[in-house]
Amino acid sequence: MATARPALGRVLPGSSMLFLCDMQEKFRGTISFFPQIVAVSARMLQVARMLDIPVMLTEQYPTGLGPTVPELGAQDIRAVPKTCFSMVVPEVERLMNARPSLRSVLLCGIEAQACIMSTALDLLERGLDVHVVADACSSRSQVDRLLALSRMRQSGAFLTTSECLILQLVRDSAHPRFKEVQKLIRDPAPDSGLLGLFQGQSPLLN
């Protein structure tokens, strides 16, 4: 009997969406590596614009937690307000349904153990490939971040980095936007503390 072939997790611009989750002012002083997470997410947003990938932006209880931070560069995107942890609220679902070619979601933001994991599980349940941009997701606690990434991986999400995803999306150095993308990734993405999560008996290595 043939064994089931594991999902490859290929990403294509025409069947992907970028989800930017809750990078808001009140989290600035509490989330570990917050400036780096936002900088990497901003890089993903720039590439999404270059490749015409739709972008979804949410804000968790913006009345209390404030607006999206300006350095993300998303001022032209209308944020969807929410109170539940998952980004997959009715308005987001309507926008997803309007894109029948959707196969993959690229997921950035905070917090890994709360809104990111809830969003990932909802998307996986809908049969979508979920690519968690690990260098663009964090939490207040690095223990929560580590275990949330491991939990999402156990559930079928792909853990990846921003540069890995960007190069998969472009695919070919002959791509008409490659030189623009190359300039963007010429310098490595900011260190968001991932290396420490892979030391010792990390569940991410199992």
N, C-alpha and C. Protein backbone atom coordinates (compact mmCIF):
# COMPACT_ATOMS: atom_id res chain seq x y z
N MET A 1 0.85 -1.19 0.00
CA MET A 1 0.00 0.00 0.00
C MET A 1 0.88 1.24 0.00
N ALA A 2 0.60 2.17 -0.90
CA ALA A 2 1.40 3.38 -1.00
C ALA A 2 1.14 4.28 0.21
N THR A 3 2.22 4.84 0.73
CA THR A 3 2.06 5.76 1.86
C THR A 3 1.64 7.13 1.36
N ALA A 4 0.93 7.87 2.20
CA ALA A 4 0.48 9.20 1.82
C ALA A 4 1.68 10.12 1.64
N ARG A 5 1.63 10.89 0.60
CA ARG A 5 2.73 11.82 0.32
C ARG A 5 2.58 13.06 1.21
N PRO A 6 3.64 13.45 1.91
CA PRO A 6 3.52 14.62 2.77
C PRO A 6 3.29 15.89 1.95
N ALA A 7 2.58 16.83 2.54
CA ALA A 7 2.33 18.10 1.85
C ALA A 7 3.66 18.80 1.60
N LEU A 8 3.80 19.36 0.43
CA LEU A 8 5.04 20.04 0.06
C LEU A 8 5.10 21.47 0.57
N GLY A 9 3.97 22.10 0.66
CA GLY A 9 3.96 23.47 1.14
C GLY A 9 4.49 24.49 0.15
N ARG A 10 4.31 24.23 -1.12
CA ARG A 10 4.73 25.23 -2.11
C ARG A 10 3.88 26.48 -1.98
N VAL A 11 4.49 27.63 -2.25
CA VAL A 11 3.75 28.89 -2.22
C VAL A 11 3.88 29.59 -3.57
N LEU A 12 2.76 30.11 -4.05
CA LEU A 12 2.71 30.86 -5.29
C LEU A 12 1.99 32.17 -5.04
N PRO A 13 2.45 33.26 -5.61
CA PRO A 13 1.79 34.55 -5.36
C PRO A 13 0.31 34.54 -5.69
N GLY A 14 -0.07 33.86 -6.76
CA GLY A 14 -1.46 33.89 -7.21
C GLY A 14 -2.42 33.12 -6.33
N SER A 15 -1.90 32.31 -5.40
CA SER A 15 -2.79 31.52 -4.53
C SER A 15 -2.47 31.74 -3.05
N SER A 16 -1.85 32.87 -2.74
CA SER A 16 -1.44 33.15 -1.37
C SER A 16 -2.05 34.45 -0.87
N MET A 17 -2.13 34.56 0.47
CA MET A 17 -2.48 35.80 1.14
C MET A 17 -1.50 35.99 2.30
N LEU A 18 -1.20 37.25 2.60
CA LEU A 18 -0.37 37.59 3.75
C LEU A 18 -1.27 38.07 4.88
N PHE A 19 -1.17 37.46 6.04
CA PHE A 19 -1.93 37.87 7.22
C PHE A 19 -0.99 38.55 8.20
N LEU A 20 -1.33 39.77 8.60
CA LEU A 20 -0.54 40.54 9.56
C LEU A 20 -1.40 40.72 10.81
N CYS A 21 -0.96 40.15 11.90
CA CYS A 21 -1.80 40.00 13.08
C CYS A 21 -1.39 40.91 14.24
N ASP A 22 -2.18 41.93 14.51
CA ASP A 22 -2.22 42.63 15.80
C ASP A 22 -0.90 43.26 16.26
N MET A 23 -0.16 43.85 15.36
CA MET A 23 1.09 44.52 15.75
C MET A 23 0.78 45.97 16.13
N GLN A 24 0.36 46.14 17.39
CA GLN A 24 -0.25 47.39 17.86
C GLN A 24 0.59 48.07 18.93
N GLU A 25 0.28 49.34 19.15
CA GLU A 25 1.09 50.19 20.01
C GLU A 25 1.26 49.65 21.43
N LYS A 26 0.19 49.15 22.04
CA LYS A 26 0.27 48.73 23.44
C LYS A 26 1.16 47.50 23.64
N PHE A 27 1.45 46.79 22.55
CA PHE A 27 2.32 45.62 22.67
C PHE A 27 3.80 45.99 22.56
N ARG A 28 4.07 47.22 22.22
CA ARG A 28 5.44 47.63 21.91
C ARG A 28 6.43 47.32 23.04
N GLY A 29 6.01 47.53 24.28
CA GLY A 29 6.93 47.34 25.39
C GLY A 29 6.85 46.00 26.07
N THR A 30 5.97 45.11 25.59
CA THR A 30 5.77 43.84 26.30
C THR A 30 6.16 42.61 25.49
N ILE A 31 6.14 42.70 24.17
CA ILE A 31 6.44 41.54 23.31
C ILE A 31 7.94 41.44 23.09
N SER A 32 8.49 40.26 23.33
CA SER A 32 9.93 40.03 23.10
C SER A 32 10.26 40.25 21.63
N PHE A 33 11.32 41.00 21.39
CA PHE A 33 11.81 41.27 20.02
C PHE A 33 10.77 41.98 19.16
N PHE A 34 9.95 42.82 19.78
CA PHE A 34 8.89 43.49 19.04
C PHE A 34 9.41 44.29 17.84
N PRO A 35 10.45 45.13 17.98
CA PRO A 35 10.93 45.89 16.81
C PRO A 35 11.37 45.00 15.66
N GLN A 36 12.02 43.89 16.00
CA GLN A 36 12.49 42.97 14.96
C GLN A 36 11.34 42.25 14.27
N ILE A 37 10.35 41.85 15.06
CA ILE A 37 9.17 41.18 14.50
C ILE A 37 8.46 42.11 13.51
N VAL A 38 8.31 43.36 13.89
CA VAL A 38 7.64 44.33 13.02
C VAL A 38 8.48 44.58 11.77
N ALA A 39 9.80 44.67 11.93
CA ALA A 39 10.67 44.92 10.77
C ALA A 39 10.60 43.77 9.76
N VAL A 40 10.58 42.55 10.27
CA VAL A 40 10.49 41.39 9.36
C VAL A 40 9.12 41.36 8.69
N SER A 41 8.08 41.66 9.45
CA SER A 41 6.73 41.70 8.87
C SER A 41 6.62 42.79 7.81
N ALA A 42 7.27 43.92 8.06
CA ALA A 42 7.28 45.00 7.06
C ALA A 42 7.96 44.55 5.78
N ARG A 43 9.00 43.75 5.92
CA ARG A 43 9.68 43.19 4.74
C ARG A 43 8.73 42.28 3.97
N MET A 44 7.99 41.45 4.68
CA MET A 44 7.01 40.59 4.01
C MET A 44 5.94 41.41 3.31
N LEU A 45 5.52 42.49 3.95
CA LEU A 45 4.50 43.36 3.34
C LEU A 45 5.03 43.99 2.05
N GLN A 46 6.26 44.44 2.05
CA GLN A 46 6.84 45.04 0.85
C GLN A 46 6.87 44.03 -0.30
N VAL A 47 7.25 42.80 0.00
CA VAL A 47 7.30 41.77 -1.04
C VAL A 47 5.88 41.44 -1.52
N ALA A 48 4.93 41.39 -0.61
CA ALA A 48 3.54 41.13 -1.01
C ALA A 48 3.06 42.19 -2.00
N ARG A 49 3.43 43.44 -1.76
CA ARG A 49 3.04 44.50 -2.68
C ARG A 49 3.72 44.34 -4.03
N MET A 50 4.99 43.97 -4.02
CA MET A 50 5.71 43.76 -5.29
C MET A 50 5.08 42.65 -6.13
N LEU A 51 4.60 41.60 -5.44
CA LEU A 51 4.10 40.41 -6.14
C LEU A 51 2.58 40.35 -6.21
N ASP A 52 1.90 41.44 -5.83
CA ASP A 52 0.44 41.52 -5.89
C ASP A 52 -0.24 40.44 -5.06
N ILE A 53 0.30 40.19 -3.88
CA ILE A 53 -0.30 39.24 -2.95
C ILE A 53 -1.24 40.02 -2.02
N PRO A 54 -2.50 39.63 -1.92
CA PRO A 54 -3.43 40.34 -1.03
C PRO A 54 -2.97 40.28 0.42
N VAL A 55 -3.28 41.33 1.17
CA VAL A 55 -2.84 41.44 2.55
C VAL A 55 -4.05 41.63 3.46
N MET A 56 -4.05 40.90 4.58
CA MET A 56 -5.09 41.03 5.59
C MET A 56 -4.43 41.53 6.87
N LEU A 57 -4.98 42.60 7.44
CA LEU A 57 -4.44 43.21 8.65
C LEU A 57 -5.53 43.26 9.71
N THR A 58 -5.21 42.79 10.92
CA THR A 58 -6.18 42.87 12.00
C THR A 58 -5.60 43.63 13.19
N GLU A 59 -6.52 44.10 14.04
CA GLU A 59 -6.16 44.74 15.31
C GLU A 59 -7.04 44.15 16.41
N GLN A 60 -6.40 43.73 17.48
CA GLN A 60 -7.12 43.16 18.63
C GLN A 60 -7.58 44.29 19.54
N TYR A 61 -8.88 44.42 19.71
CA TYR A 61 -9.47 45.42 20.60
C TYR A 61 -8.73 46.76 20.50
N PRO A 62 -8.79 47.40 19.33
CA PRO A 62 -7.99 48.62 19.11
C PRO A 62 -8.33 49.77 20.06
N THR A 63 -9.53 49.81 20.60
CA THR A 63 -9.88 50.86 21.55
C THR A 63 -8.96 50.83 22.76
N GLY A 64 -8.62 49.64 23.22
CA GLY A 64 -7.76 49.50 24.38
C GLY A 64 -6.30 49.29 24.06
N LEU A 65 -6.01 48.64 22.93
CA LEU A 65 -4.63 48.26 22.61
C LEU A 65 -3.99 49.15 21.56
N GLY A 66 -4.74 50.10 21.05
CA GLY A 66 -4.16 51.08 20.14
C GLY A 66 -4.11 50.60 18.70
N PRO A 67 -3.64 51.49 17.81
CA PRO A 67 -3.57 51.17 16.39
C PRO A 67 -2.33 50.37 16.03
N THR A 68 -2.30 49.90 14.80
CA THR A 68 -1.12 49.25 14.26
C THR A 68 0.05 50.23 14.27
N VAL A 69 1.24 49.74 14.62
CA VAL A 69 2.41 50.62 14.70
C VAL A 69 2.78 51.13 13.31
N PRO A 70 3.18 52.39 13.18
CA PRO A 70 3.43 52.97 11.86
C PRO A 70 4.60 52.33 11.12
N GLU A 71 5.58 51.81 11.86
CA GLU A 71 6.75 51.27 11.17
C GLU A 71 6.46 49.99 10.39
N LEU A 72 5.29 49.40 10.59
CA LEU A 72 4.91 48.27 9.75
C LEU A 72 4.69 48.72 8.31
N GLY A 73 4.33 49.98 8.12
CA GLY A 73 4.12 50.50 6.78
C GLY A 73 2.79 50.11 6.18
N ALA A 74 1.79 49.88 7.02
CA ALA A 74 0.49 49.40 6.54
C ALA A 74 -0.59 50.47 6.64
N GLN A 75 -0.20 51.73 6.61
CA GLN A 75 -1.17 52.81 6.80
C GLN A 75 -2.25 52.83 5.74
N ASP A 76 -1.97 52.29 4.56
CA ASP A 76 -2.95 52.30 3.48
C ASP A 76 -3.88 51.08 3.50
N ILE A 77 -3.70 50.21 4.50
CA ILE A 77 -4.53 49.00 4.59
C ILE A 77 -5.52 49.18 5.73
N ARG A 78 -6.79 48.96 5.46
CA ARG A 78 -7.79 49.07 6.52
C ARG A 78 -7.71 47.86 7.43
N ALA A 79 -7.46 48.13 8.71
CA ALA A 79 -7.38 47.05 9.68
C ALA A 79 -8.78 46.56 10.05
N VAL A 80 -8.91 45.26 10.17
CA VAL A 80 -10.16 44.65 10.62
C VAL A 80 -10.10 44.52 12.13
N PRO A 81 -10.98 45.20 12.86
CA PRO A 81 -10.97 45.08 14.33
C PRO A 81 -11.56 43.75 14.76
N LYS A 82 -11.09 43.24 15.89
CA LYS A 82 -11.61 41.97 16.39
C LYS A 82 -11.45 41.91 17.91
N THR A 83 -12.18 41.01 18.51
CA THR A 83 -12.01 40.73 19.93
C THR A 83 -11.62 39.27 20.15
N CYS A 84 -12.02 38.38 19.25
CA CYS A 84 -11.61 36.98 19.39
C CYS A 84 -10.14 36.85 18.99
N PHE A 85 -9.51 35.76 19.41
CA PHE A 85 -8.08 35.61 19.14
C PHE A 85 -7.80 35.33 17.66
N SER A 86 -8.62 34.53 17.02
CA SER A 86 -8.36 34.20 15.63
C SER A 86 -8.60 35.40 14.71
N MET A 87 -7.79 35.50 13.67
CA MET A 87 -8.01 36.50 12.63
C MET A 87 -9.18 36.13 11.73
N VAL A 88 -9.61 34.89 11.78
CA VAL A 88 -10.63 34.41 10.84
C VAL A 88 -12.01 34.80 11.37
N VAL A 89 -12.27 36.10 11.36
CA VAL A 89 -13.57 36.65 11.73
C VAL A 89 -14.41 36.78 10.45
N PRO A 90 -15.71 37.04 10.56
CA PRO A 90 -16.57 37.04 9.36
C PRO A 90 -16.08 37.93 8.23
N GLU A 91 -15.60 39.13 8.52
CA GLU A 91 -15.14 40.00 7.43
C GLU A 91 -13.94 39.41 6.71
N VAL A 92 -13.03 38.83 7.47
CA VAL A 92 -11.85 38.19 6.87
C VAL A 92 -12.28 36.98 6.05
N GLU A 93 -13.22 36.21 6.57
CA GLU A 93 -13.71 35.05 5.82
C GLU A 93 -14.32 35.47 4.49
N ARG A 94 -15.06 36.57 4.49
CA ARG A 94 -15.66 37.03 3.23
C ARG A 94 -14.58 37.37 2.21
N LEU A 95 -13.53 38.01 2.66
CA LEU A 95 -12.44 38.37 1.75
C LEU A 95 -11.69 37.13 1.27
N MET A 96 -11.56 36.15 2.14
CA MET A 96 -10.93 34.89 1.73
C MET A 96 -11.79 34.17 0.69
N ASN A 97 -13.08 34.15 0.93
CA ASN A 97 -13.99 33.46 0.01
C ASN A 97 -14.05 34.14 -1.36
N ALA A 98 -13.74 35.42 -1.38
CA ALA A 98 -13.73 36.15 -2.65
C ALA A 98 -12.48 35.82 -3.48
N ARG A 99 -11.60 35.02 -2.90
CA ARG A 99 -10.38 34.61 -3.61
C ARG A 99 -10.38 33.09 -3.73
N PRO A 100 -11.11 32.53 -4.69
CA PRO A 100 -11.26 31.07 -4.77
C PRO A 100 -9.96 30.33 -5.04
N SER A 101 -8.96 31.04 -5.55
CA SER A 101 -7.67 30.39 -5.82
C SER A 101 -6.81 30.25 -4.57
N LEU A 102 -7.29 30.75 -3.42
CA LEU A 102 -6.48 30.77 -2.21
C LEU A 102 -6.11 29.35 -1.76
N ARG A 103 -4.81 29.14 -1.58
CA ARG A 103 -4.30 27.85 -1.10
C ARG A 103 -3.39 28.00 0.12
N SER A 104 -2.73 29.14 0.22
CA SER A 104 -1.70 29.32 1.25
C SER A 104 -1.87 30.65 1.96
N VAL A 105 -1.67 30.64 3.27
CA VAL A 105 -1.65 31.87 4.06
C VAL A 105 -0.28 32.00 4.71
N LEU A 106 0.32 33.18 4.58
CA LEU A 106 1.61 33.49 5.18
C LEU A 106 1.31 34.32 6.43
N LEU A 107 1.71 33.84 7.59
CA LEU A 107 1.20 34.37 8.85
C LEU A 107 2.31 35.03 9.68
N CYS A 108 2.10 36.31 9.99
CA CYS A 108 3.05 37.09 10.79
C CYS A 108 2.31 37.78 11.93
N GLY A 109 2.99 38.03 13.05
CA GLY A 109 2.39 38.86 14.08
C GLY A 109 2.51 38.28 15.48
N ILE A 110 1.58 38.68 16.33
CA ILE A 110 1.64 38.35 17.75
C ILE A 110 0.24 38.02 18.29
N GLU A 111 0.12 37.35 19.42
CA GLU A 111 1.16 36.60 20.06
C GLU A 111 1.10 35.17 19.56
N ALA A 112 2.23 34.50 19.56
CA ALA A 112 2.31 33.17 18.97
C ALA A 112 1.34 32.18 19.61
N GLN A 113 1.23 32.22 20.95
CA GLN A 113 0.40 31.24 21.65
C GLN A 113 -1.07 31.61 21.68
N ALA A 114 -1.40 32.79 21.21
CA ALA A 114 -2.79 33.26 21.27
C ALA A 114 -3.34 33.46 19.87
N CYS A 115 -3.22 34.66 19.33
CA CYS A 115 -3.86 34.97 18.06
C CYS A 115 -3.24 34.25 16.87
N ILE A 116 -1.92 34.06 16.91
CA ILE A 116 -1.27 33.36 15.79
C ILE A 116 -1.71 31.90 15.77
N MET A 117 -1.66 31.22 16.92
CA MET A 117 -2.04 29.81 16.94
C MET A 117 -3.53 29.63 16.63
N SER A 118 -4.38 30.47 17.20
CA SER A 118 -5.81 30.35 16.91
C SER A 118 -6.09 30.54 15.43
N THR A 119 -5.41 31.51 14.82
CA THR A 119 -5.58 31.75 13.38
C THR A 119 -5.08 30.57 12.57
N ALA A 120 -3.91 30.06 12.93
CA ALA A 120 -3.34 28.93 12.20
C ALA A 120 -4.27 27.72 12.24
N LEU A 121 -4.80 27.40 13.41
CA LEU A 121 -5.68 26.24 13.53
C LEU A 121 -6.97 26.42 12.73
N ASP A 122 -7.53 27.62 12.76
CA ASP A 122 -8.74 27.88 11.97
C ASP A 122 -8.47 27.72 10.47
N LEU A 123 -7.33 28.21 10.02
CA LEU A 123 -6.99 28.10 8.60
C LEU A 123 -6.70 26.67 8.19
N LEU A 124 -5.99 25.93 9.05
CA LEU A 124 -5.71 24.52 8.77
C LEU A 124 -7.00 23.72 8.69
N GLU A 125 -7.94 24.05 9.58
CA GLU A 125 -9.23 23.36 9.59
C GLU A 125 -9.99 23.58 8.29
N ARG A 126 -9.73 24.70 7.63
CA ARG A 126 -10.36 25.00 6.34
C ARG A 126 -9.59 24.41 5.17
N GLY A 127 -8.55 23.64 5.44
CA GLY A 127 -7.81 22.95 4.39
C GLY A 127 -6.74 23.78 3.71
N LEU A 128 -6.38 24.91 4.30
CA LEU A 128 -5.35 25.76 3.71
C LEU A 128 -3.97 25.42 4.25
N ASP A 129 -2.96 25.63 3.43
CA ASP A 129 -1.58 25.56 3.90
C ASP A 129 -1.28 26.82 4.70
N VAL A 130 -0.70 26.64 5.86
CA VAL A 130 -0.35 27.77 6.71
C VAL A 130 1.16 27.82 6.87
N HIS A 131 1.74 28.94 6.50
CA HIS A 131 3.19 29.14 6.62
C HIS A 131 3.43 30.18 7.71
N VAL A 132 3.86 29.71 8.86
CA VAL A 132 4.12 30.60 9.99
C VAL A 132 5.53 31.18 9.82
N VAL A 133 5.60 32.49 9.65
CA VAL A 133 6.89 33.15 9.45
C VAL A 133 7.51 33.31 10.83
N ALA A 134 8.35 32.35 11.21
CA ALA A 134 8.80 32.24 12.59
C ALA A 134 9.61 33.45 13.05
N ASP A 135 10.34 34.08 12.12
CA ASP A 135 11.09 35.27 12.52
C ASP A 135 10.23 36.53 12.49
N ALA A 136 8.93 36.36 12.25
CA ALA A 136 7.99 37.48 12.29
C ALA A 136 6.84 37.19 13.26
N CYS A 137 7.04 36.27 14.20
CA CYS A 137 6.04 35.95 15.21
C CYS A 137 6.72 35.88 16.57
N SER A 138 6.09 36.44 17.59
CA SER A 138 6.68 36.37 18.92
C SER A 138 5.60 36.43 19.98
N SER A 139 6.05 36.43 21.24
CA SER A 139 5.18 36.46 22.41
C SER A 139 5.88 37.26 23.51
N ARG A 140 5.16 37.50 24.59
CA ARG A 140 5.82 38.09 25.76
C ARG A 140 6.84 37.11 26.32
N SER A 141 6.45 35.84 26.41
CA SER A 141 7.31 34.78 26.94
C SER A 141 7.90 33.96 25.80
N GLN A 142 9.21 33.74 25.85
CA GLN A 142 9.83 32.91 24.83
C GLN A 142 9.49 31.44 25.00
N VAL A 143 9.11 31.04 26.21
CA VAL A 143 8.63 29.67 26.40
C VAL A 143 7.31 29.49 25.66
N ASP A 144 6.41 30.45 25.81
CA ASP A 144 5.14 30.38 25.07
C ASP A 144 5.38 30.39 23.56
N ARG A 145 6.31 31.21 23.12
CA ARG A 145 6.63 31.28 21.69
C ARG A 145 7.13 29.93 21.19
N LEU A 146 8.06 29.32 21.91
CA LEU A 146 8.63 28.04 21.51
C LEU A 146 7.56 26.96 21.43
N LEU A 147 6.76 26.84 22.49
CA LEU A 147 5.76 25.76 22.52
C LEU A 147 4.64 26.01 21.52
N ALA A 148 4.31 27.28 21.27
CA ALA A 148 3.28 27.58 20.27
C ALA A 148 3.76 27.21 18.87
N LEU A 149 4.99 27.53 18.54
CA LEU A 149 5.53 27.15 17.23
C LEU A 149 5.53 25.63 17.08
N SER A 150 5.95 24.94 18.14
CA SER A 150 5.96 23.47 18.11
C SER A 150 4.55 22.92 17.94
N ARG A 151 3.60 23.50 18.66
CA ARG A 151 2.20 23.03 18.58
C ARG A 151 1.63 23.24 17.19
N MET A 152 1.91 24.38 16.58
CA MET A 152 1.41 24.63 15.22
C MET A 152 2.03 23.66 14.22
N ARG A 153 3.30 23.37 14.42
CA ARG A 153 3.97 22.41 13.54
C ARG A 153 3.34 21.02 13.68
N GLN A 154 3.04 20.62 14.92
CA GLN A 154 2.38 19.33 15.15
C GLN A 154 1.03 19.26 14.43
N SER A 155 0.36 20.39 14.34
CA SER A 155 -0.97 20.44 13.73
C SER A 155 -0.93 20.54 12.21
N GLY A 156 0.26 20.71 11.64
CA GLY A 156 0.38 20.70 10.19
C GLY A 156 0.81 22.00 9.55
N ALA A 157 1.08 23.02 10.37
CA ALA A 157 1.58 24.28 9.79
C ALA A 157 3.05 24.13 9.41
N PHE A 158 3.46 24.91 8.43
CA PHE A 158 4.86 24.95 8.03
C PHE A 158 5.55 26.09 8.76
N LEU A 159 6.65 25.79 9.45
CA LEU A 159 7.46 26.83 10.07
C LEU A 159 8.55 27.23 9.09
N THR A 160 8.70 28.52 8.88
CA THR A 160 9.65 28.99 7.89
C THR A 160 10.18 30.36 8.30
N THR A 161 11.07 30.90 7.50
CA THR A 161 11.57 32.26 7.74
C THR A 161 11.13 33.17 6.60
N SER A 162 11.26 34.44 6.85
CA SER A 162 10.84 35.42 5.84
C SER A 162 11.62 35.23 4.54
N GLU A 163 12.93 35.10 4.63
CA GLU A 163 13.71 34.99 3.40
C GLU A 163 13.39 33.71 2.65
N CYS A 164 13.21 32.63 3.38
CA CYS A 164 12.85 31.36 2.74
C CYS A 164 11.56 31.51 1.95
N LEU A 165 10.55 32.12 2.55
CA LEU A 165 9.27 32.31 1.86
C LEU A 165 9.40 33.25 0.67
N ILE A 166 10.14 34.34 0.87
CA ILE A 166 10.29 35.32 -0.20
C ILE A 166 10.91 34.68 -1.44
N LEU A 167 11.95 33.88 -1.23
CA LEU A 167 12.61 33.24 -2.37
C LEU A 167 11.72 32.18 -3.02
N GLN A 168 10.90 31.49 -2.21
CA GLN A 168 9.95 30.55 -2.81
C GLN A 168 8.92 31.27 -3.66
N LEU A 169 8.48 32.43 -3.22
CA LEU A 169 7.48 33.19 -3.96
C LEU A 169 8.03 33.71 -5.29
N VAL A 170 9.28 34.13 -5.29
CA VAL A 170 9.89 34.68 -6.51
C VAL A 170 10.29 33.56 -7.46
N ARG A 171 10.88 32.49 -6.90
CA ARG A 171 11.18 31.24 -7.61
C ARG A 171 12.31 31.31 -8.62
N ASP A 172 12.55 32.44 -9.26
CA ASP A 172 13.48 32.48 -10.40
C ASP A 172 14.17 33.84 -10.43
N SER A 173 15.48 33.82 -10.60
CA SER A 173 16.21 35.10 -10.67
C SER A 173 15.86 35.87 -11.94
N ALA A 174 15.15 35.21 -12.87
CA ALA A 174 14.69 35.91 -14.07
C ALA A 174 13.35 36.61 -13.85
N HIS A 175 12.79 36.49 -12.64
CA HIS A 175 11.52 37.15 -12.34
C HIS A 175 11.67 38.66 -12.53
N PRO A 176 10.69 39.31 -13.14
CA PRO A 176 10.82 40.74 -13.43
C PRO A 176 11.00 41.63 -12.19
N ARG A 177 10.60 41.14 -11.02
CA ARG A 177 10.76 41.94 -9.79
C ARG A 177 11.93 41.45 -8.93
N PHE A 178 12.72 40.50 -9.46
CA PHE A 178 13.74 39.89 -8.62
C PHE A 178 14.76 40.89 -8.10
N LYS A 179 15.19 41.81 -8.92
CA LYS A 179 16.22 42.75 -8.47
C LYS A 179 15.71 43.63 -7.33
N GLU A 180 14.42 43.99 -7.38
CA GLU A 180 13.84 44.75 -6.27
C GLU A 180 13.80 43.91 -5.00
N VAL A 181 13.41 42.65 -5.15
CA VAL A 181 13.37 41.75 -4.00
C VAL A 181 14.78 41.51 -3.47
N GLN A 182 15.72 41.35 -4.35
CA GLN A 182 17.10 41.09 -3.95
C GLN A 182 17.65 42.23 -3.09
N LYS A 183 17.33 43.45 -3.47
CA LYS A 183 17.77 44.61 -2.66
C LYS A 183 17.17 44.55 -1.26
N LEU A 184 15.96 44.06 -1.17
CA LEU A 184 15.26 44.00 0.11
C LEU A 184 15.87 42.97 1.04
N ILE A 185 16.37 41.86 0.49
CA ILE A 185 16.89 40.78 1.33
C ILE A 185 18.42 40.73 1.32
N ARG A 186 19.05 41.74 0.73
CA ARG A 186 20.52 41.75 0.68
C ARG A 186 21.10 41.66 2.08
N ASP A 187 20.53 42.42 3.01
CA ASP A 187 20.92 42.30 4.41
C ASP A 187 20.04 41.26 5.08
N PRO A 188 20.60 40.39 5.92
CA PRO A 188 19.77 39.39 6.60
C PRO A 188 18.67 40.05 7.42
N ALA A 189 17.60 39.33 7.61
CA ALA A 189 16.49 39.83 8.44
C ALA A 189 17.00 40.06 9.86
N PRO A 190 16.42 41.03 10.57
CA PRO A 190 16.84 41.28 11.96
C PRO A 190 16.72 40.02 12.82
N ASP A 191 17.64 39.87 13.75
CA ASP A 191 17.63 38.71 14.66
C ASP A 191 16.47 38.85 15.64
N SER A 192 15.51 37.94 15.54
CA SER A 192 14.35 37.98 16.44
C SER A 192 14.42 36.89 17.50
N GLY A 193 15.62 36.43 17.82
CA GLY A 193 15.79 35.51 18.93
C GLY A 193 15.48 34.06 18.64
N LEU A 194 15.35 33.69 17.37
CA LEU A 194 15.00 32.31 17.06
C LEU A 194 16.10 31.31 17.40
N LEU A 195 17.34 31.71 17.25
CA LEU A 195 18.44 30.76 17.43
C LEU A 195 18.40 30.13 18.81
N GLY A 196 18.07 30.93 19.82
CA GLY A 196 18.00 30.40 21.18
C GLY A 196 16.92 29.35 21.35
N LEU A 197 15.89 29.38 20.50
CA LEU A 197 14.80 28.41 20.60
C LEU A 197 15.20 27.05 20.06
N PHE A 198 16.28 26.99 19.30
CA PHE A 198 16.69 25.75 18.66
C PHE A 198 17.83 25.05 19.40
N GLN A 199 18.16 25.53 20.58
CA GLN A 199 19.26 24.92 21.35
C GLN A 199 18.74 23.83 22.25
N GLY A 200 19.63 22.87 22.55
CA GLY A 200 19.29 21.80 23.48
C GLY A 200 18.20 20.88 22.93
N GLN A 201 17.30 20.47 23.81
CA GLN A 201 16.25 19.52 23.45
C GLN A 201 14.99 20.26 22.99
N SER A 202 15.14 21.10 22.00
CA SER A 202 14.01 21.90 21.54
C SER A 202 12.98 21.03 20.83
N PRO A 203 11.70 21.20 21.15
CA PRO A 203 10.66 20.46 20.42
C PRO A 203 10.59 20.83 18.96
N LEU A 204 11.20 21.97 18.57
CA LEU A 204 11.20 22.35 17.16
C LEU A 204 12.15 21.48 16.34
N LEU A 205 13.03 20.75 17.02
CA LEU A 205 14.00 19.90 16.30
C LEU A 205 13.53 18.47 16.20
N ASN A 206 12.44 18.13 16.83
CA ASN A 206 11.96 16.74 16.83
C ASN A 206 11.03 16.46 15.65
